[in-house]
Amino acid sequence: MSEVPPTRMNEQVFKSKKKAAESGHKLLKKKADALKVKFRDYAKSIAETKSGMAADSSNAFFSLTQAEYAAGNFKQKVSEGSMTARVRVGAGIDNVAGVKLPVFSYYETGAATDNASLGLAGGGKKIAAVREKYTALLQNLIKLASLQTSFVTLDEAMKVTNRRVNALENVTIPKIEGVLDYIARELDELEREDFTRLKLVQSKKEAEMKIETAKRDAAMAEQFAKGLAFSKANEEDITAQFDAGDDEDVVF
């Protein structure tokens, strides 16, 4: 803090920094709260999806076994067809409190089914059931992948946000407050020094004025005494020139 000059300008600068840091802390705190709410929602959705995945996977594989029992081994016929994907995974972005989360979606390409003739000899209903159950399983897998990826990304964003909140709360704002306290103390000390200096100057001026006043009064008293003595001397000289015996008698 000693490297910061204790001036009024620096005090205003650090007050502005403190205000900006407090505003940023409030915004990051709100962002962290929003991310926590979304984080809990994702965790709940992942738990629900995973709880149903075991049953869906078991039903899909059991349905495949039933179809193979009813229609025979049809995997060779499926692999012989044109392996054109009828289902694809789309990628998107979901914005949560400024954090971009990847989102995967299921969509059909509309490609024709080459193996539509499967099950004509028998087991067609079981094969259709297999297709339906594996489609549902695939949708759940894509949903789970989307939730899990967003969950991990959100977790990293929460860690970064919480570190920033803690840094502002425990490091930046206390440091700025310490600098402001230092500047306030130094400014108060400078004001006290200026006040003491002014008092000394004023007392010195008052003493000089008293001395000058005393000298002026002494000079005026001295002049007054000289004037009084001079007037007495003149009176004495004037009365001494006259003698009553020299005056002639006045006859009425």
Protein backbone atom coordinates (compact mmCIF):
# COMPACT_ATOMS: atom_id res chain seq x y z
CA MET A 1 0.00 0.00 0.00
CA SER A 2 2.95 2.31 0.49
CA GLU A 3 3.42 2.50 -3.28
CA VAL A 4 0.01 4.20 -3.64
CA PRO A 5 0.30 7.99 -3.20
CA PRO A 6 -2.27 9.14 -0.60
CA THR A 7 -4.11 11.72 -2.71
CA ARG A 8 -7.75 12.63 -3.19
CA MET A 9 -7.57 11.51 -6.81
CA ASN A 10 -6.31 8.05 -5.86
CA GLU A 11 -9.01 7.86 -3.22
CA GLN A 12 -11.69 8.46 -5.87
CA VAL A 13 -10.02 5.95 -8.21
CA PHE A 14 -10.00 3.21 -5.59
CA LYS A 15 -13.57 4.01 -4.58
CA SER A 16 -14.57 3.45 -8.21
CA LYS A 17 -12.60 0.19 -8.23
CA LYS A 18 -14.34 -0.95 -5.07
CA LYS A 19 -17.75 -0.16 -6.51
CA ALA A 20 -16.92 -2.06 -9.71
CA ALA A 21 -15.59 -5.03 -7.73
CA GLU A 22 -18.71 -5.15 -5.56
CA SER A 23 -20.95 -4.99 -8.65
CA GLY A 24 -18.95 -7.76 -10.29
CA HIS A 25 -19.15 -9.83 -7.10
CA LYS A 26 -22.93 -9.50 -7.03
CA LEU A 27 -23.25 -10.48 -10.70
CA LEU A 28 -20.93 -13.46 -10.32
CA LYS A 29 -22.82 -14.52 -7.19
CA LYS A 30 -26.08 -14.47 -9.12
CA LYS A 31 -24.43 -16.39 -11.96
CA ALA A 32 -23.11 -18.99 -9.52
CA ASP A 33 -26.58 -19.41 -8.01
CA ALA A 34 -28.14 -19.85 -11.47
CA LEU A 35 -25.49 -22.42 -12.40
CA LYS A 36 -26.11 -24.31 -9.17
CA VAL A 37 -29.83 -24.52 -9.91
CA LYS A 38 -29.14 -25.76 -13.44
CA PHE A 39 -26.50 -28.14 -12.10
CA ARG A 40 -28.99 -29.74 -9.73
CA ASP A 41 -31.54 -30.04 -12.55
CA TYR A 42 -28.99 -31.80 -14.75
CA ALA A 43 -27.99 -34.12 -11.92
CA LYS A 44 -31.61 -35.04 -11.30
CA SER A 45 -32.26 -35.64 -15.02
CA ILE A 46 -29.11 -37.79 -15.32
CA ALA A 47 -30.14 -39.88 -12.34
CA GLU A 48 -33.64 -40.40 -13.75
CA THR A 49 -32.32 -41.25 -17.23
CA LYS A 50 -29.73 -43.69 -15.88
CA SER A 51 -32.31 -45.40 -13.69
CA GLY A 52 -34.43 -46.13 -16.74
CA MET A 53 -31.50 -47.07 -18.97
CA ALA A 54 -30.98 -50.45 -17.32
CA ALA A 55 -34.56 -51.54 -17.93
CA ASP A 56 -34.60 -50.16 -21.49
CA SER A 57 -31.33 -51.88 -22.36
CA SER A 58 -32.48 -55.16 -20.86
CA ASN A 59 -35.80 -55.02 -22.73
CA ALA A 60 -34.06 -54.18 -26.03
CA PHE A 61 -31.61 -57.08 -25.82
CA PHE A 62 -34.32 -59.47 -24.68
CA SER A 63 -36.46 -58.34 -27.61
CA LEU A 64 -33.53 -59.04 -29.96
CA THR A 65 -33.22 -62.53 -28.55
CA GLN A 66 -36.94 -63.12 -29.09
CA ALA A 67 -36.73 -61.85 -32.67
CA GLU A 68 -33.77 -64.12 -33.45
CA TYR A 69 -35.66 -67.04 -32.00
CA ALA A 70 -38.74 -66.23 -34.08
CA ALA A 71 -37.10 -65.15 -37.36
CA GLY A 72 -33.74 -66.81 -37.16
CA ASN A 73 -30.39 -65.06 -37.44
CA PHE A 74 -31.17 -61.99 -39.56
CA LYS A 75 -28.04 -59.99 -38.72
CA GLN A 76 -26.37 -61.12 -41.97
CA LYS A 77 -29.26 -59.79 -44.03
CA VAL A 78 -29.14 -56.46 -42.22
CA SER A 79 -25.40 -56.06 -42.84
CA GLU A 80 -25.84 -56.86 -46.53
CA GLY A 81 -28.10 -53.84 -47.11
CA SER A 82 -26.88 -50.31 -47.85
CA MET A 83 -25.71 -49.00 -44.51
CA THR A 84 -27.40 -45.62 -44.90
CA ALA A 85 -28.09 -44.00 -41.53
CA ARG A 86 -31.71 -43.28 -40.85
CA VAL A 87 -30.90 -41.58 -37.56
CA ARG A 88 -28.28 -38.93 -36.90
CA VAL A 89 -27.18 -36.89 -33.90
CA GLY A 90 -27.39 -33.11 -34.13
CA ALA A 91 -25.28 -30.75 -32.00
CA GLY A 92 -26.51 -27.47 -30.57
CA ILE A 93 -25.66 -24.97 -27.85
CA ASP A 94 -27.66 -24.00 -24.78
CA ASN A 95 -26.77 -20.73 -23.05
CA VAL A 96 -27.10 -20.81 -19.27
CA ALA A 97 -26.03 -17.59 -17.50
CA GLY A 98 -23.41 -16.91 -20.17
CA VAL A 99 -22.10 -20.50 -20.20
CA LYS A 100 -22.44 -22.32 -23.51
CA LEU A 101 -23.48 -25.94 -22.98
CA PRO A 102 -23.36 -28.54 -25.77
CA VAL A 103 -26.71 -30.18 -26.52
CA PHE A 104 -27.18 -33.33 -28.62
CA SER A 105 -30.46 -34.04 -30.37
CA TYR A 106 -31.95 -37.04 -32.19
CA TYR A 107 -33.31 -36.59 -35.68
CA GLU A 108 -34.21 -38.88 -38.57
CA THR A 109 -32.68 -38.38 -42.02
CA GLY A 110 -35.68 -39.80 -43.86
CA ALA A 111 -33.63 -42.48 -45.63
CA ALA A 112 -35.58 -45.47 -46.98
CA THR A 113 -35.46 -48.75 -45.09
CA ASP A 114 -33.68 -51.35 -47.19
CA ASN A 115 -34.49 -54.30 -44.95
CA ALA A 116 -38.24 -53.78 -44.85
CA SER A 117 -38.72 -57.35 -46.13
CA LEU A 118 -37.25 -58.84 -43.01
CA GLY A 119 -39.65 -61.06 -41.14
CA LEU A 120 -41.92 -61.89 -44.04
CA ALA A 121 -41.25 -65.56 -43.52
CA GLY A 122 -41.90 -65.20 -39.81
CA GLY A 123 -41.07 -63.06 -36.80
CA GLY A 124 -41.91 -59.77 -38.47
CA LYS A 125 -43.74 -58.50 -35.43
CA LYS A 126 -40.79 -59.32 -33.20
CA ILE A 127 -38.37 -57.54 -35.57
CA ALA A 128 -40.59 -54.43 -35.56
CA ALA A 129 -40.60 -54.54 -31.76
CA VAL A 130 -36.78 -54.77 -31.77
CA ARG A 131 -36.54 -51.75 -34.06
CA GLU A 132 -38.91 -49.75 -31.82
CA LYS A 133 -37.14 -50.65 -28.58
CA TYR A 134 -33.65 -49.99 -29.95
CA THR A 135 -34.85 -46.62 -31.29
CA ALA A 136 -36.10 -45.69 -27.82
CA LEU A 137 -32.82 -46.92 -26.32
CA LEU A 138 -30.84 -44.83 -28.80
CA GLN A 139 -32.88 -41.72 -27.96
CA ASN A 140 -32.18 -42.25 -24.26
CA LEU A 141 -28.47 -42.75 -24.97
CA ILE A 142 -28.31 -39.48 -26.92
CA LYS A 143 -30.22 -37.71 -24.16
CA LEU A 144 -27.87 -39.13 -21.53
CA ALA A 145 -24.80 -38.14 -23.56
CA SER A 146 -26.15 -34.61 -23.89
CA LEU A 147 -26.93 -34.33 -20.19
CA GLN A 148 -23.59 -35.81 -19.15
CA THR A 149 -21.58 -33.52 -21.43
CA SER A 150 -23.52 -30.44 -20.29
CA PHE A 151 -23.11 -31.58 -16.69
CA VAL A 152 -19.31 -31.78 -16.98
CA THR A 153 -19.11 -28.42 -18.79
CA LEU A 154 -21.36 -26.82 -16.18
CA ASP A 155 -19.26 -28.26 -13.37
CA GLU A 156 -16.11 -26.65 -14.79
CA ALA A 157 -17.91 -23.33 -15.27
CA MET A 158 -19.13 -23.46 -11.66
CA LYS A 159 -15.61 -24.05 -10.38
CA VAL A 160 -14.26 -21.08 -12.35
CA THR A 161 -17.14 -18.83 -11.22
CA ASN A 162 -16.75 -19.84 -7.58
CA ARG A 163 -13.01 -19.16 -7.74
CA ARG A 164 -13.71 -15.69 -9.12
CA VAL A 165 -16.33 -15.01 -6.45
CA ASN A 166 -13.95 -16.12 -3.69
CA ALA A 167 -11.10 -14.07 -5.16
CA LEU A 168 -13.24 -10.93 -5.24
CA GLU A 169 -14.69 -11.55 -1.79
CA ASN A 170 -11.51 -12.57 0.03
CA VAL A 171 -8.68 -10.89 -1.90
CA THR A 172 -9.62 -8.04 -4.23
CA ILE A 173 -12.26 -6.19 -2.19
CA PRO A 174 -10.34 -6.44 1.15
CA LYS A 175 -7.19 -5.22 -0.61
CA ILE A 176 -9.02 -2.21 -2.06
CA GLU A 177 -10.57 -1.48 1.36
CA GLY A 178 -7.10 -1.66 2.92
CA VAL A 179 -5.76 0.85 0.38
CA LEU A 180 -8.72 3.17 1.04
CA ASP A 181 -8.13 2.96 4.81
CA TYR A 182 -4.43 3.73 4.27
CA ILE A 183 -5.24 6.73 2.06
CA ALA A 184 -7.84 8.00 4.58
CA ARG A 185 -5.34 7.73 7.47
CA GLU A 186 -2.62 9.49 5.51
CA LEU A 187 -4.98 12.26 4.41
CA ASP A 188 -6.14 12.77 7.99
CA GLU A 189 -2.52 12.96 9.11
CA LEU A 190 -1.76 15.52 6.40
CA GLU A 191 -4.78 17.57 7.43
CA ARG A 192 -3.64 17.52 11.06
CA GLU A 193 -0.15 18.59 10.00
CA ASP A 194 -1.57 21.42 7.89
CA PHE A 195 -3.80 22.51 10.77
CA THR A 196 -0.84 22.49 13.18
CA ARG A 197 1.28 24.41 10.68
CA LEU A 198 -1.46 27.01 10.21
CA LYS A 199 -1.86 27.36 13.97
CA LEU A 200 1.87 27.95 14.34
CA VAL A 201 1.89 30.50 11.56
CA GLN A 202 -1.14 32.24 13.01
CA SER A 203 0.32 32.33 16.52
CA LYS A 204 3.59 33.70 15.12
CA LYS A 205 1.72 36.41 13.25
CA GLU A 206 -0.27 37.28 16.35
CA ALA A 207 2.94 37.58 18.38
CA GLU A 208 4.48 39.82 15.73
CA MET A 209 1.33 41.95 15.67
CA LYS A 210 1.44 42.28 19.46
CA ILE A 211 5.08 43.35 19.32
CA GLU A 212 4.34 45.89 16.59
CA THR A 213 1.31 47.17 18.52
CA ALA A 214 3.41 47.54 21.68
CA LYS A 215 6.12 49.38 19.76
CA ARG A 216 3.55 51.66 18.16
CA ASP A 217 1.92 52.37 21.52
CA ALA A 218 5.30 53.08 23.08
CA ALA A 219 6.19 55.44 20.23
CA MET A 220 2.86 57.23 20.54
CA ALA A 221 3.30 57.53 24.32
CA GLU A 222 6.78 58.89 23.85
CA GLN A 223 5.58 61.43 21.31
CA PHE A 224 2.71 62.41 23.57
CA ALA A 225 5.11 62.91 26.50
CA LYS A 226 7.41 65.03 24.37
CA GLY A 227 4.48 67.15 23.15
CA LEU A 228 3.22 67.67 26.71
CA ALA A 229 6.67 68.76 27.94
CA PHE A 230 7.06 71.12 25.00
CA SER A 231 3.71 72.78 25.69
CA LYS A 232 4.58 73.27 29.36
CA ALA A 233 7.89 74.79 28.44
CA ASN A 234 6.20 77.23 26.10
CA GLU A 235 3.70 78.27 28.75
CA GLU A 236 6.48 78.88 31.19
CA ASP A 237 8.40 80.98 28.69
CA ILE A 238 5.38 83.07 27.77
CA THR A 239 4.39 83.90 31.40
CA ALA A 240 7.99 84.65 32.32
CA GLN A 241 8.16 87.51 29.77
CA PHE A 242 5.44 89.45 31.50
CA ASP A 243 5.91 91.36 34.83
CA ALA A 244 3.01 92.93 36.63
CA GLY A 245 5.21 95.81 37.86
CA ASP A 246 5.90 96.93 34.37
CA ASP A 247 2.26 97.58 33.63
CA GLU A 248 0.97 101.20 33.93
CA ASP A 249 -1.98 102.06 36.14
CA VAL A 250 -5.21 102.21 34.35
CA VAL A 251 -7.48 105.15 35.37
CA PHE A 252 -11.21 104.70 34.89
